[in-house]
Amino acid sequence: MSENKYKHRYYYKESYEAAIGTFATAIVFLFVAILSLFFIAFNIEFIGLKDWGYWLFIPAFFIFIGGFQKLYRKYKYQKVVKNALIQRNFEGTHKL
């Protein structure tokens, strides 16, 4: 059996949908927090954002950490699965 048989598996495709969604959420939080700093600097009142928006830096930071953790965990699992396939010479009835 060759490695070509496993080209269409999830781990080979290297899809990053979950991590991209996490980073997009963190960027939205970061954007609102920066926007609130802009409102504070120019004394603009918009839905009270200048009073509470800067607090969104904290969840944005932890959401970014979660996104990097997802990428690291995915990389680690990919490595383990590929090593397991290599040890079995890409043969067997196992499903990924």
PDB file of N, CA and C in Angstrom:
ATOM      1  N   MET A   1       0.843  -1.176   0.000  1.00  0.00           N
ATOM      2  CA  MET A   1       0.000   0.000   0.000  1.00  0.00           C
ATOM      3  C   MET A   1       0.892   1.244   0.000  1.00  0.00           C
ATOM      4  N   SER A   2       0.402   2.248  -0.601  1.00  0.00           N
ATOM      5  CA  SER A   2       1.196   3.467  -0.686  1.00  0.00           C
ATOM      6  C   SER A   2       0.537   4.590   0.108  1.00  0.00           C
ATOM      7  N   GLU A   3       1.270   5.647   0.267  1.00  0.00           N
ATOM      8  CA  GLU A   3       0.762   6.802   1.003  1.00  0.00           C
ATOM      9  C   GLU A   3      -0.340   7.512   0.217  1.00  0.00           C
ATOM     10  N   ASN A   4      -0.392   7.308  -1.092  1.00  0.00           N
ATOM     11  CA  ASN A   4      -1.404   7.962  -1.919  1.00  0.00           C
ATOM     12  C   ASN A   4      -2.822   7.571  -1.518  1.00  0.00           C
ATOM     13  N   LYS A   5      -2.975   6.399  -0.939  1.00  0.00           N
ATOM     14  CA  LYS A   5      -4.298   5.937  -0.524  1.00  0.00           C
ATOM     15  C   LYS A   5      -4.901   6.857   0.535  1.00  0.00           C
ATOM     16  N   TYR A   6      -4.078   7.503   1.329  1.00  0.00           N
ATOM     17  CA  TYR A   6      -4.538   8.309   2.451  1.00  0.00           C
ATOM     18  C   TYR A   6      -4.520   9.808   2.159  1.00  0.00           C
ATOM     19  N   LYS A   7      -4.374  10.188   0.904  1.00  0.00           N
ATOM     20  CA  LYS A   7      -4.276  11.610   0.580  1.00  0.00           C
ATOM     21  C   LYS A   7      -5.553  12.385   0.865  1.00  0.00           C
ATOM     22  N   HIS A   8      -6.693  11.737   0.829  1.00  0.00           N
ATOM     23  CA  HIS A   8      -7.953  12.454   0.989  1.00  0.00           C
ATOM     24  C   HIS A   8      -8.492  12.371   2.409  1.00  0.00           C
ATOM     25  N   ARG A   9      -7.665  11.981   3.334  1.00  0.00           N
ATOM     26  CA  ARG A   9      -8.078  11.934   4.735  1.00  0.00           C
ATOM     27  C   ARG A   9      -8.036  13.336   5.327  1.00  0.00           C
ATOM     28  N   TYR A  10      -8.723  13.521   6.443  1.00  0.00           N
ATOM     29  CA  TYR A  10      -8.806  14.829   7.097  1.00  0.00           C
ATOM     30  C   TYR A  10      -7.427  15.356   7.478  1.00  0.00           C
ATOM     31  N   TYR A  11      -6.594  14.521   8.057  1.00  0.00           N
ATOM     32  CA  TYR A  11      -5.302  14.994   8.537  1.00  0.00           C
ATOM     33  C   TYR A  11      -4.369  15.369   7.401  1.00  0.00           C
ATOM     34  N   TYR A  12      -4.570  14.792   6.237  1.00  0.00           N
ATOM     35  CA  TYR A  12      -3.716  15.144   5.108  1.00  0.00           C
ATOM     36  C   TYR A  12      -4.154  16.472   4.495  1.00  0.00           C
ATOM     37  N   LYS A  13      -5.448  16.733   4.526  1.00  0.00           N
ATOM     38  CA  LYS A  13      -5.961  17.957   3.908  1.00  0.00           C
ATOM     39  C   LYS A  13      -5.554  19.207   4.679  1.00  0.00           C
ATOM     40  N   GLU A  14      -5.270  19.081   5.953  1.00  0.00           N
ATOM     41  CA  GLU A  14      -4.838  20.195   6.798  1.00  0.00           C
ATOM     42  C   GLU A  14      -5.848  21.340   6.793  1.00  0.00           C
ATOM     43  N   SER A  15      -7.086  21.038   7.119  1.00  0.00           N
ATOM     44  CA  SER A  15      -8.097  22.088   7.186  1.00  0.00           C
ATOM     45  C   SER A  15      -8.025  22.765   8.551  1.00  0.00           C
ATOM     46  N   TYR A  16      -8.231  24.063   8.549  1.00  0.00           N
ATOM     47  CA  TYR A  16      -8.085  24.857   9.762  1.00  0.00           C
ATOM     48  C   TYR A  16      -9.360  25.644  10.075  1.00  0.00           C
ATOM     49  N   GLU A  17     -10.544  25.086   9.757  1.00  0.00           N
ATOM     50  CA  GLU A  17     -11.783  25.837   9.933  1.00  0.00           C
ATOM     51  C   GLU A  17     -12.005  26.251  11.386  1.00  0.00           C
ATOM     52  N   ALA A  18     -11.788  25.359  12.314  1.00  0.00           N
ATOM     53  CA  ALA A  18     -12.047  25.668  13.726  1.00  0.00           C
ATOM     54  C   ALA A  18     -11.110  26.761  14.223  1.00  0.00           C
ATOM     55  N   ALA A  19      -9.849  26.672  13.874  1.00  0.00           N
ATOM     56  CA  ALA A  19      -8.887  27.680  14.324  1.00  0.00           C
ATOM     57  C   ALA A  19      -9.163  29.023  13.661  1.00  0.00           C
ATOM     58  N   ILE A  20      -9.556  29.012  12.399  1.00  0.00           N
ATOM     59  CA  ILE A  20      -9.851  30.265  11.704  1.00  0.00           C
ATOM     60  C   ILE A  20     -11.059  30.947  12.346  1.00  0.00           C
ATOM     61  N   GLY A  21     -12.066  30.172  12.693  1.00  0.00           N
ATOM     62  CA  GLY A  21     -13.234  30.743  13.371  1.00  0.00           C
ATOM     63  C   GLY A  21     -12.883  31.330  14.724  1.00  0.00           C
ATOM     64  N   THR A  22     -12.000  30.665  15.435  1.00  0.00           N
ATOM     65  CA  THR A  22     -11.567  31.169  16.737  1.00  0.00           C
ATOM     66  C   THR A  22     -10.813  32.478  16.584  1.00  0.00           C
ATOM     67  N   PHE A  23      -9.905  32.530  15.626  1.00  0.00           N
ATOM     68  CA  PHE A  23      -9.144  33.762  15.410  1.00  0.00           C
ATOM     69  C   PHE A  23     -10.038  34.892  14.904  1.00  0.00           C
ATOM     70  N   ALA A  24     -11.037  34.567  14.095  1.00  0.00           N
ATOM     71  CA  ALA A  24     -11.967  35.599  13.622  1.00  0.00           C
ATOM     72  C   ALA A  24     -12.744  36.197  14.791  1.00  0.00           C
ATOM     73  N   THR A  25     -13.171  35.358  15.711  1.00  0.00           N
ATOM     74  CA  THR A  25     -13.874  35.854  16.899  1.00  0.00           C
ATOM     75  C   THR A  25     -12.965  36.747  17.734  1.00  0.00           C
ATOM     76  N   ALA A  26     -11.727  36.333  17.910  1.00  0.00           N
ATOM     77  CA  ALA A  26     -10.777  37.140  18.684  1.00  0.00           C
ATOM     78  C   ALA A  26     -10.516  38.479  18.005  1.00  0.00           C
ATOM     79  N   ILE A  27     -10.453  38.479  16.682  1.00  0.00           N
ATOM     80  CA  ILE A  27     -10.212  39.731  15.954  1.00  0.00           C
ATOM     81  C   ILE A  27     -11.401  40.677  16.108  1.00  0.00           C
ATOM     82  N   VAL A  28     -12.621  40.136  16.110  1.00  0.00           N
ATOM     83  CA  VAL A  28     -13.803  40.982  16.323  1.00  0.00           C
ATOM     84  C   VAL A  28     -13.757  41.601  17.720  1.00  0.00           C
ATOM     85  N   PHE A  29     -13.438  40.804  18.721  1.00  0.00           N
ATOM     86  CA  PHE A  29     -13.319  41.342  20.085  1.00  0.00           C
ATOM     87  C   PHE A  29     -12.237  42.420  20.134  1.00  0.00           C
ATOM     88  N   LEU A  30     -11.112  42.161  19.492  1.00  0.00           N
ATOM     89  CA  LEU A  30     -10.011  43.118  19.479  1.00  0.00           C
ATOM     90  C   LEU A  30     -10.416  44.406  18.766  1.00  0.00           C
ATOM     91  N   PHE A  31     -11.142  44.279  17.665  1.00  0.00           N
ATOM     92  CA  PHE A  31     -11.597  45.453  16.917  1.00  0.00           C
ATOM     93  C   PHE A  31     -12.514  46.324  17.776  1.00  0.00           C
ATOM     94  N   VAL A  32     -13.458  45.702  18.469  1.00  0.00           N
ATOM     95  CA  VAL A  32     -14.378  46.469  19.320  1.00  0.00           C
ATOM     96  C   VAL A  32     -13.609  47.136  20.459  1.00  0.00           C
ATOM     97  N   ALA A  33     -12.628  46.453  21.020  1.00  0.00           N
ATOM     98  CA  ALA A  33     -11.832  47.043  22.103  1.00  0.00           C
ATOM     99  C   ALA A  33     -11.027  48.242  21.601  1.00  0.00           C
ATOM    100  N   ILE A  34     -10.432  48.117  20.427  1.00  0.00           N
ATOM    101  CA  ILE A  34      -9.669  49.240  19.856  1.00  0.00           C
ATOM    102  C   ILE A  34     -10.604  50.387  19.495  1.00  0.00           C
ATOM    103  N   LEU A  35     -11.780  50.050  18.985  1.00  0.00           N
ATOM    104  CA  LEU A  35     -12.773  51.071  18.662  1.00  0.00           C
ATOM    105  C   LEU A  35     -13.184  51.839  19.922  1.00  0.00           C
ATOM    106  N   SER A  36     -13.298  51.145  21.033  1.00  0.00           N
ATOM    107  CA  SER A  36     -13.662  51.829  22.279  1.00  0.00           C
ATOM    108  C   SER A  36     -12.552  52.782  22.720  1.00  0.00           C
ATOM    109  N   LEU A  37     -11.299  52.404  22.491  1.00  0.00           N
ATOM    110  CA  LEU A  37     -10.201  53.327  22.812  1.00  0.00           C
ATOM    111  C   LEU A  37     -10.261  54.571  21.931  1.00  0.00           C
ATOM    112  N   PHE A  38     -10.633  54.379  20.674  1.00  0.00           N
ATOM    113  CA  PHE A  38     -10.814  55.512  19.762  1.00  0.00           C
ATOM    114  C   PHE A  38     -11.939  56.422  20.269  1.00  0.00           C
ATOM    115  N   PHE A  39     -13.031  55.818  20.726  1.00  0.00           N
ATOM    116  CA  PHE A  39     -14.147  56.602  21.251  1.00  0.00           C
ATOM    117  C   PHE A  39     -13.758  57.344  22.523  1.00  0.00           C
ATOM    118  N   ILE A  40     -12.931  56.742  23.351  1.00  0.00           N
ATOM    119  CA  ILE A  40     -12.460  57.421  24.565  1.00  0.00           C
ATOM    120  C   ILE A  40     -11.582  58.613  24.189  1.00  0.00           C
ATOM    121  N   ALA A  41     -10.694  58.414  23.200  1.00  0.00           N
ATOM    122  CA  ALA A  41      -9.765  59.477  22.810  1.00  0.00           C
ATOM    123  C   ALA A  41     -10.494  60.681  22.217  1.00  0.00           C
ATOM    124  N   PHE A  42     -11.554  60.445  21.455  1.00  0.00           N
ATOM    125  CA  PHE A  42     -12.264  61.539  20.792  1.00  0.00           C
ATOM    126  C   PHE A  42     -13.607  61.868  21.449  1.00  0.00           C
ATOM    127  N   ASN A  43     -13.851  61.305  22.617  1.00  0.00           N
ATOM    128  CA  ASN A  43     -15.051  61.574  23.411  1.00  0.00           C
ATOM    129  C   ASN A  43     -16.335  61.387  22.598  1.00  0.00           C
ATOM    130  N   ILE A  44     -16.434  60.260  21.934  1.00  0.00           N
ATOM    131  CA  ILE A  44     -17.620  59.906  21.150  1.00  0.00           C
ATOM    132  C   ILE A  44     -18.459  58.947  21.983  1.00  0.00           C
ATOM    133  N   GLU A  45     -19.750  59.223  22.052  1.00  0.00           N
ATOM    134  CA  GLU A  45     -20.654  58.362  22.814  1.00  0.00           C
ATOM    135  C   GLU A  45     -21.473  57.523  21.837  1.00  0.00           C
ATOM    136  N   PHE A  46     -21.235  56.227  21.845  1.00  0.00           N
ATOM    137  CA  PHE A  46     -21.981  55.306  20.979  1.00  0.00           C
ATOM    138  C   PHE A  46     -22.269  54.038  21.774  1.00  0.00           C
ATOM    139  N   ILE A  47     -23.497  53.824  22.111  1.00  0.00           N
ATOM    140  CA  ILE A  47     -24.009  52.718  22.930  1.00  0.00           C
ATOM    141  C   ILE A  47     -23.145  52.439  24.169  1.00  0.00           C
ATOM    142  N   GLY A  48     -22.540  53.473  24.677  1.00  0.00           N
ATOM    143  CA  GLY A  48     -21.736  53.326  25.887  1.00  0.00           C
ATOM    144  C   GLY A  48     -20.450  52.552  25.673  1.00  0.00           C
ATOM    145  N   LEU A  49     -20.029  52.430  24.426  1.00  0.00           N
ATOM    146  CA  LEU A  49     -18.856  51.610  24.107  1.00  0.00           C
ATOM    147  C   LEU A  49     -17.583  52.147  24.749  1.00  0.00           C
ATOM    148  N   LYS A  50     -17.502  53.468  24.905  1.00  0.00           N
ATOM    149  CA  LYS A  50     -16.280  54.009  25.506  1.00  0.00           C
ATOM    150  C   LYS A  50     -16.169  53.659  26.987  1.00  0.00           C
ATOM    151  N   ASP A  51     -17.286  53.279  27.612  1.00  0.00           N
ATOM    152  CA  ASP A  51     -17.263  52.931  29.035  1.00  0.00           C
ATOM    153  C   ASP A  51     -16.937  51.467  29.296  1.00  0.00           C
ATOM    154  N   TRP A  52     -17.276  50.574  28.378  1.00  0.00           N
ATOM    155  CA  TRP A  52     -17.090  49.146  28.651  1.00  0.00           C
ATOM    156  C   TRP A  52     -16.296  48.404  27.576  1.00  0.00           C
ATOM    157  N   GLY A  53     -16.092  48.999  26.423  1.00  0.00           N
ATOM    158  CA  GLY A  53     -15.490  48.277  25.306  1.00  0.00           C
ATOM    159  C   GLY A  53     -14.049  47.848  25.517  1.00  0.00           C
ATOM    160  N   TYR A  54     -13.285  48.641  26.254  1.00  0.00           N
ATOM    161  CA  TYR A  54     -11.871  48.299  26.443  1.00  0.00           C
ATOM    162  C   TYR A  54     -11.691  47.017  27.249  1.00  0.00           C
ATOM    163  N   TRP A  55     -12.730  46.592  27.962  1.00  0.00           N
ATOM    164  CA  TRP A  55     -12.648  45.332  28.709  1.00  0.00           C
ATOM    165  C   TRP A  55     -12.585  44.122  27.773  1.00  0.00           C
ATOM    166  N   LEU A  56     -12.912  44.304  26.515  1.00  0.00           N
ATOM    167  CA  LEU A  56     -12.891  43.187  25.567  1.00  0.00           C
ATOM    168  C   LEU A  56     -11.470  42.763  25.189  1.00  0.00           C
ATOM    169  N   PHE A  57     -10.461  43.538  25.598  1.00  0.00           N
ATOM    170  CA  PHE A  57      -9.080  43.089  25.375  1.00  0.00           C
ATOM    171  C   PHE A  57      -8.805  41.784  26.126  1.00  0.00           C
ATOM    172  N   ILE A  58      -9.406  41.631  27.293  1.00  0.00           N
ATOM    173  CA  ILE A  58      -9.153  40.443  28.118  1.00  0.00           C
ATOM    174  C   ILE A  58      -9.679  39.172  27.456  1.00  0.00           C
ATOM    175  N   PRO A  59     -10.967  39.106  27.048  1.00  0.00           N
ATOM    176  CA  PRO A  59     -11.403  37.873  26.380  1.00  0.00           C
ATOM    177  C   PRO A  59     -10.715  37.658  25.038  1.00  0.00           C
ATOM    178  N   ALA A  60     -10.381  38.747  24.338  1.00  0.00           N
ATOM    179  CA  ALA A  60      -9.684  38.588  23.056  1.00  0.00           C
ATOM    180  C   ALA A  60      -8.347  37.886  23.268  1.00  0.00           C
ATOM    181  N   PHE A  61      -7.645  38.255  24.330  1.00  0.00           N
ATOM    182  CA  PHE A  61      -6.363  37.627  24.638  1.00  0.00           C
ATOM    183  C   PHE A  61      -6.533  36.130  24.865  1.00  0.00           C
ATOM    184  N   PHE A  62      -7.530  35.754  25.660  1.00  0.00           N
ATOM    185  CA  PHE A  62      -7.729  34.336  25.950  1.00  0.00           C
ATOM    186  C   PHE A  62      -8.277  33.569  24.752  1.00  0.00           C
ATOM    187  N   ILE A  63      -9.054  34.227  23.914  1.00  0.00           N
ATOM    188  CA  ILE A  63      -9.532  33.566  22.695  1.00  0.00           C
ATOM    189  C   ILE A  63      -8.362  33.294  21.762  1.00  0.00           C
ATOM    190  N   PHE A  64      -7.426  34.239  21.647  1.00  0.00           N
ATOM    191  CA  PHE A  64      -6.221  34.003  20.838  1.00  0.00           C
ATOM    192  C   PHE A  64      -5.425  32.820  21.392  1.00  0.00           C
ATOM    193  N   ILE A  65      -5.282  32.760  22.699  1.00  0.00           N
ATOM    194  CA  ILE A  65      -4.570  31.628  23.306  1.00  0.00           C
ATOM    195  C   ILE A  65      -5.269  30.319  22.958  1.00  0.00           C
ATOM    196  N   GLY A  66      -6.599  30.300  23.019  1.00  0.00           N
ATOM    197  CA  GLY A  66      -7.356  29.103  22.660  1.00  0.00           C
ATOM    198  C   GLY A  66      -7.162  28.709  21.207  1.00  0.00           C
ATOM    199  N   GLY A  67      -7.087  29.684  20.319  1.00  0.00           N
ATOM    200  CA  GLY A  67      -6.852  29.390  18.905  1.00  0.00           C
ATOM    201  C   GLY A  67      -5.488  28.776  18.669  1.00  0.00           C
ATOM    202  N   PHE A  68      -4.470  29.324  19.313  1.00  0.00           N
ATOM    203  CA  PHE A  68      -3.133  28.749  19.171  1.00  0.00           C
ATOM    204  C   PHE A  68      -3.063  27.361  19.792  1.00  0.00           C
ATOM    205  N   GLN A  69      -3.803  27.159  20.877  1.00  0.00           N
ATOM    206  CA  GLN A  69      -3.846  25.835  21.498  1.00  0.00           C
ATOM    207  C   GLN A  69      -4.497  24.823  20.556  1.00  0.00           C
ATOM    208  N   LYS A  70      -5.546  25.228  19.844  1.00  0.00           N
ATOM    209  CA  LYS A  70      -6.187  24.341  18.868  1.00  0.00           C
ATOM    210  C   LYS A  70      -5.209  23.955  17.765  1.00  0.00           C
ATOM    211  N   LEU A  71      -4.473  24.948  17.259  1.00  0.00           N
ATOM    212  CA  LEU A  71      -3.505  24.656  16.202  1.00  0.00           C
ATOM    213  C   LEU A  71      -2.420  23.707  16.697  1.00  0.00           C
ATOM    214  N   TYR A  72      -1.929  23.947  17.910  1.00  0.00           N
ATOM    215  CA  TYR A  72      -0.886  23.094  18.467  1.00  0.00           C
ATOM    216  C   TYR A  72      -1.392  21.677  18.682  1.00  0.00           C
ATOM    217  N   ARG A  73      -2.614  21.534  19.226  1.00  0.00           N
ATOM    218  CA  ARG A  73      -3.189  20.210  19.466  1.00  0.00           C
ATOM    219  C   ARG A  73      -3.410  19.472  18.145  1.00  0.00           C
ATOM    220  N   LYS A  74      -3.873  20.189  17.132  1.00  0.00           N
ATOM    221  CA  LYS A  74      -4.097  19.579  15.821  1.00  0.00           C
ATOM    222  C   LYS A  74      -2.772  19.088  15.238  1.00  0.00           C
ATOM    223  N   TYR A  75      -1.735  19.914  15.365  1.00  0.00           N
ATOM    224  CA  TYR A  75      -0.420  19.522  14.866  1.00  0.00           C
ATOM    225  C   TYR A  75       0.087  18.284  15.602  1.00  0.00           C
ATOM    226  N   LYS A  76      -0.111  18.257  16.921  1.00  0.00           N
ATOM    227  CA  LYS A  76       0.345  17.124  17.729  1.00  0.00           C
ATOM    228  C   LYS A  76      -0.393  15.845  17.332  1.00  0.00           C
ATOM    229  N   TYR A  77      -1.711  15.931  17.153  1.00  0.00           N
ATOM    230  CA  TYR A  77      -2.487  14.751  16.748  1.00  0.00           C
ATOM    231  C   TYR A  77      -2.115  14.285  15.346  1.00  0.00           C
ATOM    232  N   GLN A  78      -1.871  15.223  14.451  1.00  0.00           N
ATOM    233  CA  GLN A  78      -1.436  14.848  13.102  1.00  0.00           C
ATOM    234  C   GLN A  78      -0.151  14.040  13.164  1.00  0.00           C
ATOM    235  N   LYS A  79       0.765  14.499  13.982  1.00  0.00           N
ATOM    236  CA  LYS A  79       2.054  13.829  14.109  1.00  0.00           C
ATOM    237  C   LYS A  79       1.883  12.410  14.654  1.00  0.00           C
ATOM    238  N   VAL A  80       1.036  12.250  15.670  1.00  0.00           N
ATOM    239  CA  VAL A  80       0.801  10.935  16.269  1.00  0.00           C
ATOM    240  C   VAL A  80       0.158   9.989  15.262  1.00  0.00           C
ATOM    241  N   VAL A  81      -0.839  10.472  14.529  1.00  0.00           N
ATOM    242  CA  VAL A  81      -1.532   9.618  13.559  1.00  0.00           C
ATOM    243  C   VAL A  81      -0.602   9.233  12.417  1.00  0.00           C
ATOM    244  N   LYS A  82       0.176  10.174  11.925  1.00  0.00           N
ATOM    245  CA  LYS A  82       1.104   9.855  10.832  1.00  0.00           C
ATOM    246  C   LYS A  82       2.162   8.852  11.283  1.00  0.00           C
ATOM    247  N   ASN A  83       2.650   9.004  12.514  1.00  0.00           N
ATOM    248  CA  ASN A  83       3.625   8.035  13.022  1.00  0.00           C
ATOM    249  C   ASN A  83       3.007   6.654  13.182  1.00  0.00           C
ATOM    250  N   ALA A  84       1.742   6.601  13.616  1.00  0.00           N
ATOM    251  CA  ALA A  84       1.063   5.305  13.742  1.00  0.00           C
ATOM    252  C   ALA A  84       0.899   4.648  12.378  1.00  0.00           C
ATOM    253  N   LEU A  85       0.574   5.431  11.364  1.00  0.00           N
ATOM    254  CA  LEU A  85       0.443   4.876  10.011  1.00  0.00           C
ATOM    255  C   LEU A  85       1.788   4.392   9.481  1.00  0.00           C
ATOM    256  N   ILE A  86       2.833   5.137   9.758  1.00  0.00           N
ATOM    257  CA  ILE A  86       4.171   4.740   9.305  1.00  0.00           C
ATOM    258  C   ILE A  86       4.587   3.436   9.971  1.00  0.00           C
ATOM    259  N   GLN A  87       4.295   3.279  11.269  1.00  0.00           N
ATOM    260  CA  GLN A  87       4.654   2.046  11.979  1.00  0.00           C
ATOM    261  C   GLN A  87       3.932   0.835  11.411  1.00  0.00           C
ATOM    262  N   ARG A  88       2.753   1.039  10.856  1.00  0.00           N
ATOM    263  CA  ARG A  88       1.981  -0.074  10.288  1.00  0.00           C
ATOM    264  C   ARG A  88       2.182  -0.189   8.778  1.00  0.00           C
ATOM    265  N   ASN A  89       3.150   0.525   8.249  1.00  0.00           N
ATOM    266  CA  ASN A  89       3.455   0.513   6.814  1.00  0.00           C
ATOM    267  C   ASN A  89       2.232   0.867   5.971  1.00  0.00           C
ATOM    268  N   PHE A  90       1.398   1.751   6.472  1.00  0.00           N
ATOM    269  CA  PHE A  90       0.203   2.228   5.777  1.00  0.00           C
ATOM    270  C   PHE A  90      -0.736   1.090   5.391  1.00  0.00           C
ATOM    271  N   GLU A  91      -0.771   0.029   6.182  1.00  0.00           N
ATOM    272  CA  GLU A  91      -1.645  -1.116   5.919  1.00  0.00           C
ATOM    273  C   GLU A  91      -2.608  -1.296   7.082  1.00  0.00           C
ATOM    274  N   GLY A  92      -3.724  -1.939   6.817  1.00  0.00           N
ATOM    275  CA  GLY A  92      -4.670  -2.258   7.876  1.00  0.00           C
ATOM    276  C   GLY A  92      -6.058  -1.759   7.569  1.00  0.00           C
ATOM    277  N   THR A  93      -6.963  -2.102   8.437  1.00  0.00           N
ATOM    278  CA  THR A  93      -8.359  -1.706   8.252  1.00  0.00           C
ATOM    279  C   THR A  93      -8.742  -0.575   9.184  1.00  0.00           C
ATOM    280  N   HIS A  94      -7.767   0.128   9.725  1.00  0.00           N
ATOM    281  CA  HIS A  94      -8.031   1.203  10.666  1.00  0.00           C
ATOM    282  C   HIS A  94      -8.644   2.403   9.946  1.00  0.00           C
ATOM    283  N   LYS A  95      -9.466   3.117  10.659  1.00  0.00           N
ATOM    284  CA  LYS A  95     -10.101   4.326  10.133  1.00  0.00           C
ATOM    285  C   LYS A  95      -9.606   5.514  10.947  1.00  0.00           C
ATOM    286  N   LEU A  96      -9.379   6.598  10.271  1.00  0.00           N
ATOM    287  CA  LEU A  96      -8.941   7.806  10.978  1.00  0.00           C
ATOM    288  C   LEU A  96     -10.125   8.676  11.286  1.00  0.00           C
TER     289      LEU A  96
END
